[in-house]
Amino acid sequence: MENPAYQDKLAKHLGAEIVEVKDAYAKVKLTITKNFLNGVDLAHGGVMFSLADFAFALAANTTGETGLAIQANINYIKAGKLGDDLYAEVKEDSRSRRLGNYSGKIYNQHQEVLAHFSSIAYYKNPKK
């Protein structure tokens, strides 16, 4: 089964690019344009969350099992700005038959960490 996250319509609409996907890991990129700014002209938190969530979806669905988020959390540290290239990197930390714990970070082109992200995947059709 192909990774269903490759068909993510929101990620495509945002212009998110897949940088790398391998077993239980993903890295994606998004350039902050004026349409992604909040009311004080900084990268909107929802856009940053969506980028991290896309990386999570890619990482959680690398084995042919359907992994769906049942919990997600983000902690913002520093703001993204117009023109920044933001990267979200997410990896699997632990896995049971039905649940997977994932964590990652969002950082800019200067390697400055902007946010930490964590999520739990529930696997609908785990391998036996």
Protein backbone atom coordinates (compact mmCIF):
# COMPACT_ATOMS: atom_id res chain seq x y z
CA MET A 1 0.00 0.00 0.00
CA GLU A 2 1.33 3.43 -0.91
CA ASN A 3 1.79 5.90 1.93
CA PRO A 4 -1.58 7.75 2.05
CA ALA A 5 0.14 10.91 3.31
CA TYR A 6 1.50 11.42 -0.22
CA GLN A 7 -2.08 12.34 -1.14
CA ASP A 8 -2.44 14.98 1.60
CA LYS A 9 -4.53 17.69 -0.03
CA LEU A 10 -3.83 20.38 2.58
CA ALA A 11 -0.06 19.86 2.33
CA LYS A 12 -0.31 20.17 -1.46
CA HIS A 13 -2.42 23.32 -1.12
CA LEU A 14 0.14 24.86 1.23
CA GLY A 15 2.99 23.96 -1.11
CA ALA A 16 4.77 21.71 1.39
CA GLU A 17 7.63 19.76 -0.17
CA ILE A 18 8.76 16.29 0.85
CA VAL A 19 12.51 16.37 1.50
CA GLU A 20 13.02 12.81 2.78
CA VAL A 21 10.95 9.84 3.87
CA LYS A 22 12.38 6.61 5.23
CA ASP A 23 11.30 4.00 7.75
CA ALA A 24 9.48 5.82 10.60
CA TYR A 25 10.99 9.20 9.66
CA ALA A 26 10.10 12.19 7.49
CA LYS A 27 11.39 15.66 6.71
CA VAL A 28 9.32 18.29 4.88
CA LYS A 29 9.81 21.92 3.88
CA LEU A 30 7.62 25.00 3.44
CA THR A 31 8.56 28.57 2.52
CA ILE A 32 6.69 31.22 4.50
CA THR A 33 4.87 33.55 2.12
CA LYS A 34 2.64 36.53 2.97
CA ASN A 35 -0.40 34.22 2.91
CA PHE A 36 1.06 32.28 5.85
CA LEU A 37 1.44 35.27 8.19
CA ASN A 38 -0.71 36.03 11.20
CA GLY A 39 -1.96 39.46 12.28
CA VAL A 40 1.46 40.56 13.54
CA ASP A 41 3.27 39.42 10.36
CA LEU A 42 4.84 36.28 11.80
CA ALA A 43 4.41 32.70 10.58
CA HIS A 44 0.95 31.53 11.61
CA GLY A 45 1.03 28.82 14.27
CA GLY A 46 -1.54 26.79 12.36
CA VAL A 47 0.69 26.67 9.30
CA MET A 48 3.62 25.51 11.42
CA PHE A 49 1.45 22.86 13.08
CA SER A 50 0.17 21.68 9.69
CA LEU A 51 3.74 21.28 8.44
CA ALA A 52 4.71 19.19 11.48
CA ASP A 53 1.51 17.15 11.20
CA PHE A 54 2.30 16.39 7.54
CA ALA A 55 5.78 15.15 8.48
CA PHE A 56 4.20 13.02 11.22
CA ALA A 57 1.69 11.51 8.77
CA LEU A 58 4.46 10.61 6.36
CA ALA A 59 6.59 9.03 9.11
CA ALA A 60 3.68 7.14 10.70
CA ASN A 61 2.59 5.55 7.44
CA THR A 62 5.89 4.18 6.10
CA THR A 63 5.18 0.51 6.87
CA GLY A 64 1.98 0.01 4.90
CA GLU A 65 -0.14 0.26 8.03
CA THR A 66 -2.66 3.07 8.44
CA GLY A 67 -1.48 5.33 11.27
CA LEU A 68 -3.86 8.09 12.33
CA ALA A 69 -3.16 10.83 14.87
CA ILE A 70 -5.06 10.49 18.13
CA GLN A 71 -3.01 13.13 19.94
CA ALA A 72 -0.72 15.94 18.83
CA ASN A 73 1.09 18.70 20.66
CA ILE A 74 3.28 21.60 19.63
CA ASN A 75 5.38 23.97 21.71
CA TYR A 76 6.40 27.17 19.97
CA ILE A 77 9.81 28.57 20.86
CA LYS A 78 10.57 31.19 18.23
CA ALA A 79 8.60 32.79 15.40
CA GLY A 80 9.04 32.10 11.72
CA LYS A 81 9.21 35.10 9.40
CA LEU A 82 8.29 36.03 5.85
CA GLY A 83 10.65 34.31 3.43
CA ASP A 84 11.87 31.69 5.92
CA ASP A 85 12.25 28.12 4.74
CA LEU A 86 10.75 26.01 7.52
CA TYR A 87 11.59 22.34 7.92
CA ALA A 88 9.68 19.81 10.00
CA GLU A 89 11.44 16.59 10.95
CA VAL A 90 9.56 13.82 12.75
CA LYS A 91 10.71 10.36 13.86
CA GLU A 92 9.21 7.41 15.67
CA ASP A 93 10.32 7.16 19.31
CA SER A 94 8.50 3.96 20.28
CA ARG A 95 5.95 1.56 18.88
CA SER A 96 3.56 -1.07 20.17
CA ARG A 97 1.18 -3.07 18.00
CA ARG A 98 -1.53 -0.37 17.91
CA LEU A 99 0.26 2.83 19.04
CA GLY A 100 3.29 4.76 17.88
CA ASN A 101 4.90 7.72 19.64
CA TYR A 102 6.52 10.34 17.42
CA SER A 103 8.45 13.51 18.08
CA GLY A 104 10.17 16.16 16.08
CA LYS A 105 11.01 19.78 15.56
CA ILE A 106 10.46 22.66 13.22
CA TYR A 107 13.48 24.76 12.34
CA ASN A 108 14.41 27.41 9.80
CA GLN A 109 17.12 27.67 7.15
CA HIS A 110 19.55 28.90 9.85
CA GLN A 111 18.99 25.70 11.90
CA GLU A 112 17.18 27.72 14.60
CA VAL A 113 14.57 25.55 16.34
CA LEU A 114 11.16 27.23 16.21
CA ALA A 115 8.98 24.51 17.75
CA HIS A 116 8.90 21.00 19.20
CA PHE A 117 6.17 18.59 18.11
CA SER A 118 4.89 15.26 19.44
CA SER A 119 2.10 12.97 18.38
CA ILE A 120 0.63 9.53 18.93
CA ALA A 121 -0.51 7.36 16.03
CA TYR A 122 -3.20 4.74 16.32
CA TYR A 123 -2.76 1.89 13.81
CA LYS A 124 -6.06 0.69 12.37
CA ASN A 125 -4.60 -2.34 10.63
CA PRO A 126 -1.41 -3.32 12.47
CA LYS A 127 0.78 -6.04 11.09
CA LYS A 128 0.51 -9.23 13.08
